[in-house]
Amino acid sequence: KALIDEDPLTRKHALFMMSMTSDPHLTDIFIYSLRDPEKAVRNQAVQALVSIGSPVIPKVVNLLNDSDWKVRYRAAEVLGRLKSREVVNPLIRSLSDVKDHVRYMAAKSLCLIREPLAIDPIRKCLNDENEYVRRMAERAIITIEKEKTRRGPIRLNE
C-alpha cells in the first residue's frame, strides 16, 4: 500500500505504520517513497528514515547525488535530523548544489549537527543568490559559533 495505492493518504499512513517498527529492512521502501509525487508522503518517508537512525546513512548519503532535486533536498533533511558528524562532508558538498532548495537544506542540516568544521564552507553561502539560503547560512554560523563557545576549547588529553 505504501508504494502503489492510488490514495496519497493511504500511502502516507502505510509509511507511518511501517515506521513504527524502526526496521532497517524497510529502508529501501522509505527511500523509494522520497520520490512520491505527494509532498506529505515524502515528508512521512523522511520521518521514517530518521526513526531508523544511523543504519540509513550510507544509502541516504548516496541520494545527495540524485538527479531529482527533491530527493537531494529530502536526503539532506534526513541527514541533518540524524545529527551525525559522519555526514558533515557530504552536506558541505551539497552547499554548492545547483538547486537553491538543496543548498538551503544542507545549511540547515549543518546547523542542526553544529560541527565547527562546517563554518567556513557555510560562510560561502552568505553570498548565495537566494535570500533564504543566505539567511539559513547566517543562522547556521551563529548557532555553530554559540555551540563552539559553549563547549569551550578542545582538549587533546580528554
C-alpha atoms as a PDB file:
ATOM      1  CA  LYS A   1       0.000   0.000   0.000  1.00  0.00           C
ATOM      2  CA  ALA A   2       2.822   2.413   0.814  1.00  0.00           C
ATOM      3  CA  LEU A   3       4.186   2.172  -2.704  1.00  0.00           C
ATOM      4  CA  ILE A   4       1.249   1.562  -5.008  1.00  0.00           C
ATOM      5  CA  ASP A   5      -2.044   2.743  -3.547  1.00  0.00           C
ATOM      6  CA  GLU A   6      -3.685   5.497  -5.587  1.00  0.00           C
ATOM      7  CA  ASP A   7      -4.660   7.418  -2.466  1.00  0.00           C
ATOM      8  CA  PRO A   8      -1.769   9.522  -1.125  1.00  0.00           C
ATOM      9  CA  LEU A   9      -3.244   9.458   2.376  1.00  0.00           C
ATOM     10  CA  THR A  10      -3.186   5.662   2.329  1.00  0.00           C
ATOM     11  CA  ARG A  11       0.461   5.694   1.177  1.00  0.00           C
ATOM     12  CA  LYS A  12       1.341   8.152   3.927  1.00  0.00           C
ATOM     13  CA  HIS A  13      -0.410   6.130   6.643  1.00  0.00           C
ATOM     14  CA  ALA A  14       1.162   2.896   5.431  1.00  0.00           C
ATOM     15  CA  LEU A  15       4.598   4.514   5.729  1.00  0.00           C
ATOM     16  CA  PHE A  16       3.704   5.774   9.185  1.00  0.00           C
ATOM     17  CA  MET A  17       2.670   2.332  10.365  1.00  0.00           C
ATOM     18  CA  MET A  18       5.832   0.736   8.972  1.00  0.00           C
ATOM     19  CA  SER A  19       7.976   3.457  10.535  1.00  0.00           C
ATOM     20  CA  MET A  20       6.706   2.477  13.966  1.00  0.00           C
ATOM     21  CA  THR A  21       8.930  -0.604  13.734  1.00  0.00           C
ATOM     22  CA  SER A  22      12.138   1.375  13.007  1.00  0.00           C
ATOM     23  CA  ASP A  23      13.158  -1.668  10.970  1.00  0.00           C
ATOM     24  CA  PRO A  24      16.272  -1.064   8.840  1.00  0.00           C
ATOM     25  CA  HIS A  25      14.996  -3.707   6.391  1.00  0.00           C
ATOM     26  CA  LEU A  26      12.339  -1.193   5.318  1.00  0.00           C
ATOM     27  CA  THR A  27      14.901   1.451   4.331  1.00  0.00           C
ATOM     28  CA  ASP A  28      14.525   0.886   0.594  1.00  0.00           C
ATOM     29  CA  ILE A  29      10.749   1.322   0.768  1.00  0.00           C
ATOM     30  CA  PHE A  30      11.176   4.640   2.573  1.00  0.00           C
ATOM     31  CA  ILE A  31      13.854   5.755   0.110  1.00  0.00           C
ATOM     32  CA  TYR A  32      11.596   4.868  -2.810  1.00  0.00           C
ATOM     33  CA  SER A  33       8.863   6.954  -1.188  1.00  0.00           C
ATOM     34  CA  LEU A  34      11.100  10.036  -1.266  1.00  0.00           C
ATOM     35  CA  ARG A  35      10.156  10.122  -4.978  1.00  0.00           C
ATOM     36  CA  ASP A  36       6.417  10.126  -4.321  1.00  0.00           C
ATOM     37  CA  PRO A  37       4.542  12.913  -6.134  1.00  0.00           C
ATOM     38  CA  GLU A  38       2.787  13.859  -2.886  1.00  0.00           C
ATOM     39  CA  LYS A  39       4.752  16.106  -0.517  1.00  0.00           C
ATOM     40  CA  ALA A  40       3.082  14.647   2.602  1.00  0.00           C
ATOM     41  CA  VAL A  41       4.175  11.148   1.599  1.00  0.00           C
ATOM     42  CA  ARG A  42       7.763  12.326   1.046  1.00  0.00           C
ATOM     43  CA  ASN A  43       7.676  14.008   4.454  1.00  0.00           C
ATOM     44  CA  GLN A  44       6.493  10.773   6.085  1.00  0.00           C
ATOM     45  CA  ALA A  45       9.313   8.907   4.335  1.00  0.00           C
ATOM     46  CA  VAL A  46      11.807  11.347   5.874  1.00  0.00           C
ATOM     47  CA  GLN A  47      10.389  10.751   9.330  1.00  0.00           C
ATOM     48  CA  ALA A  48      10.524   7.009   8.768  1.00  0.00           C
ATOM     49  CA  LEU A  49      14.190   7.119   7.742  1.00  0.00           C
ATOM     50  CA  VAL A  50      15.041   9.278  10.745  1.00  0.00           C
ATOM     51  CA  SER A  51      13.281   6.799  13.029  1.00  0.00           C
ATOM     52  CA  ILE A  52      15.590   4.035  11.777  1.00  0.00           C
ATOM     53  CA  GLY A  53      18.663   6.118  12.531  1.00  0.00           C
ATOM     54  CA  SER A  54      22.288   5.609  11.547  1.00  0.00           C
ATOM     55  CA  PRO A  55      21.807   2.396   9.512  1.00  0.00           C
ATOM     56  CA  VAL A  56      20.250   4.501   6.726  1.00  0.00           C
ATOM     57  CA  ILE A  57      23.184   6.910   6.426  1.00  0.00           C
ATOM     58  CA  PRO A  58      25.147   5.237   3.587  1.00  0.00           C
ATOM     59  CA  LYS A  59      22.099   4.935   1.334  1.00  0.00           C
ATOM     60  CA  VAL A  60      20.842   8.420   2.132  1.00  0.00           C
ATOM     61  CA  VAL A  61      24.271   9.992   1.506  1.00  0.00           C
ATOM     62  CA  ASN A  62      24.170   8.454  -1.978  1.00  0.00           C
ATOM     63  CA  LEU A  63      20.888  10.264  -2.598  1.00  0.00           C
ATOM     64  CA  LEU A  64      22.676  13.615  -2.360  1.00  0.00           C
ATOM     65  CA  ASN A  65      23.784  12.906  -5.947  1.00  0.00           C
ATOM     66  CA  ASP A  66      20.322  12.002  -7.260  1.00  0.00           C
ATOM     67  CA  SER A  67      19.100  13.680 -10.452  1.00  0.00           C
ATOM     68  CA  ASP A  68      15.876  14.809  -8.715  1.00  0.00           C
ATOM     69  CA  TRP A  69      16.434  17.889  -6.563  1.00  0.00           C
ATOM     70  CA  LYS A  70      13.508  16.938  -4.311  1.00  0.00           C
ATOM     71  CA  VAL A  71      15.252  13.676  -3.439  1.00  0.00           C
ATOM     72  CA  ARG A  72      18.525  15.537  -2.757  1.00  0.00           C
ATOM     73  CA  TYR A  73      16.631  18.034  -0.591  1.00  0.00           C
ATOM     74  CA  ARG A  74      14.958  15.299   1.447  1.00  0.00           C
ATOM     75  CA  ALA A  75      18.229  13.362   1.747  1.00  0.00           C
ATOM     76  CA  ALA A  76      19.916  16.452   3.205  1.00  0.00           C
ATOM     77  CA  GLU A  77      16.971  16.838   5.580  1.00  0.00           C
ATOM     78  CA  VAL A  78      17.248  13.243   6.803  1.00  0.00           C
ATOM     79  CA  LEU A  79      20.997  13.575   7.358  1.00  0.00           C
ATOM     80  CA  GLY A  80      20.592  16.772   9.352  1.00  0.00           C
ATOM     81  CA  ARG A  81      17.885  15.308  11.544  1.00  0.00           C
ATOM     82  CA  LEU A  82      20.110  12.315  12.285  1.00  0.00           C
ATOM     83  CA  LYS A  83      22.739  14.773  13.616  1.00  0.00           C
ATOM     84  CA  SER A  84      25.660  12.507  12.787  1.00  0.00           C
ATOM     85  CA  ARG A  85      29.069  14.089  12.315  1.00  0.00           C
ATOM     86  CA  GLU A  86      29.923  11.467   9.695  1.00  0.00           C
ATOM     87  CA  VAL A  87      27.667  13.258   7.183  1.00  0.00           C
ATOM     88  CA  VAL A  88      29.254  16.693   7.524  1.00  0.00           C
ATOM     89  CA  ASN A  89      31.459  16.403   4.429  1.00  0.00           C
ATOM     90  CA  PRO A  90      28.689  15.209   2.099  1.00  0.00           C
ATOM     91  CA  LEU A  91      26.469  18.035   3.372  1.00  0.00           C
ATOM     92  CA  ILE A  92      29.265  20.553   2.844  1.00  0.00           C
ATOM     93  CA  ARG A  93      29.443  19.408  -0.791  1.00  0.00           C
ATOM     94  CA  SER A  94      25.681  19.965  -1.052  1.00  0.00           C
ATOM     95  CA  LEU A  95      26.159  23.615  -0.100  1.00  0.00           C
ATOM     96  CA  SER A  96      27.161  24.139  -3.740  1.00  0.00           C
ATOM     97  CA  ASP A  97      24.261  22.179  -5.283  1.00  0.00           C
ATOM     98  CA  VAL A  98      22.762  23.723  -8.427  1.00  0.00           C
ATOM     99  CA  LYS A  99      19.339  23.879  -6.748  1.00  0.00           C
ATOM    100  CA  ASP A 100      18.858  26.543  -4.075  1.00  0.00           C
ATOM    101  CA  HIS A 101      16.434  24.364  -2.081  1.00  0.00           C
ATOM    102  CA  VAL A 102      19.182  21.769  -1.632  1.00  0.00           C
ATOM    103  CA  ARG A 103      21.740  24.401  -0.605  1.00  0.00           C
ATOM    104  CA  TYR A 104      19.244  25.719   1.940  1.00  0.00           C
ATOM    105  CA  MET A 105      18.618  22.279   3.442  1.00  0.00           C
ATOM    106  CA  ALA A 106      22.332  21.464   3.507  1.00  0.00           C
ATOM    107  CA  ALA A 107      22.971  24.657   5.521  1.00  0.00           C
ATOM    108  CA  LYS A 108      20.022  23.903   7.809  1.00  0.00           C
ATOM    109  CA  SER A 109      21.232  20.354   8.372  1.00  0.00           C
ATOM    110  CA  LEU A 110      24.750  21.522   9.183  1.00  0.00           C
ATOM    111  CA  CYS A 111      23.170  23.950  11.635  1.00  0.00           C
ATOM    112  CA  LEU A 112      21.452  21.016  13.353  1.00  0.00           C
ATOM    113  CA  ILE A 113      24.674  18.999  13.520  1.00  0.00           C
ATOM    114  CA  ARG A 114      26.636  22.002  14.832  1.00  0.00           C
ATOM    115  CA  GLU A 115      30.021  20.880  13.548  1.00  0.00           C
ATOM    116  CA  PRO A 116      32.570  23.743  13.768  1.00  0.00           C
ATOM    117  CA  LEU A 117      34.437  22.481  10.698  1.00  0.00           C
ATOM    118  CA  ALA A 118      31.411  23.459   8.613  1.00  0.00           C
ATOM    119  CA  ILE A 119      31.590  27.159   9.462  1.00  0.00           C
ATOM    120  CA  ASP A 120      33.987  28.219   6.690  1.00  0.00           C
ATOM    121  CA  PRO A 121      32.155  26.299   3.943  1.00  0.00           C
ATOM    122  CA  ILE A 122      28.838  27.728   5.167  1.00  0.00           C
ATOM    123  CA  ARG A 123      30.305  31.262   5.016  1.00  0.00           C
ATOM    124  CA  LYS A 124      30.432  30.937   1.231  1.00  0.00           C
ATOM    125  CA  CYS A 125      26.638  30.721   1.264  1.00  0.00           C
ATOM    126  CA  LEU A 126      26.399  34.193   2.796  1.00  0.00           C
ATOM    127  CA  ASN A 127      26.733  35.454  -0.798  1.00  0.00           C
ATOM    128  CA  ASP A 128      24.250  32.995  -2.299  1.00  0.00           C
ATOM    129  CA  GLU A 129      21.851  34.324  -4.926  1.00  0.00           C
ATOM    130  CA  ASN A 130      18.902  33.068  -2.855  1.00  0.00           C
ATOM    131  CA  GLU A 131      17.881  35.121   0.161  1.00  0.00           C
ATOM    132  CA  TYR A 132      16.677  32.084   2.116  1.00  0.00           C
ATOM    133  CA  VAL A 133      19.982  30.291   1.629  1.00  0.00           C
ATOM    134  CA  ARG A 134      21.816  33.408   2.853  1.00  0.00           C
ATOM    135  CA  ARG A 135      19.570  33.660   5.936  1.00  0.00           C
ATOM    136  CA  MET A 136      19.990  29.986   6.780  1.00  0.00           C
ATOM    137  CA  ALA A 137      23.759  30.249   6.350  1.00  0.00           C
ATOM    138  CA  GLU A 138      23.823  33.171   8.772  1.00  0.00           C
ATOM    139  CA  ARG A 139      21.679  31.286  11.280  1.00  0.00           C
ATOM    140  CA  ALA A 140      23.869  28.184  10.955  1.00  0.00           C
ATOM    141  CA  ILE A 141      27.056  30.142  11.564  1.00  0.00           C
ATOM    142  CA  ILE A 142      25.620  31.869  14.630  1.00  0.00           C
ATOM    143  CA  THR A 143      24.287  28.587  16.033  1.00  0.00           C
ATOM    144  CA  ILE A 144      27.533  26.696  15.463  1.00  0.00           C
ATOM    145  CA  GLU A 145      29.610  29.539  16.913  1.00  0.00           C
ATOM    146  CA  LYS A 146      27.440  29.571  20.052  1.00  0.00           C
ATOM    147  CA  GLU A 147      27.818  25.812  20.404  1.00  0.00           C
ATOM    148  CA  LYS A 148      31.575  26.103  19.929  1.00  0.00           C
ATOM    149  CA  THR A 149      31.739  28.754  22.659  1.00  0.00           C
ATOM    150  CA  ARG A 150      29.557  26.659  24.964  1.00  0.00           C
ATOM    151  CA  ARG A 151      31.763  23.590  24.522  1.00  0.00           C
ATOM    152  CA  GLY A 152      34.944  25.554  25.122  1.00  0.00           C
ATOM    153  CA  PRO A 153      38.350  24.717  23.683  1.00  0.00           C
ATOM    154  CA  ILE A 154      39.041  21.185  22.564  1.00  0.00           C
ATOM    155  CA  ARG A 155      41.428  19.410  24.915  1.00  0.00           C
ATOM    156  CA  LEU A 156      43.526  16.659  23.395  1.00  0.00           C
ATOM    157  CA  ASN A 157      44.052  14.844  26.706  1.00  0.00           C
ATOM    158  CA  GLU A 158      40.351  14.148  27.268  1.00  0.00           C
END
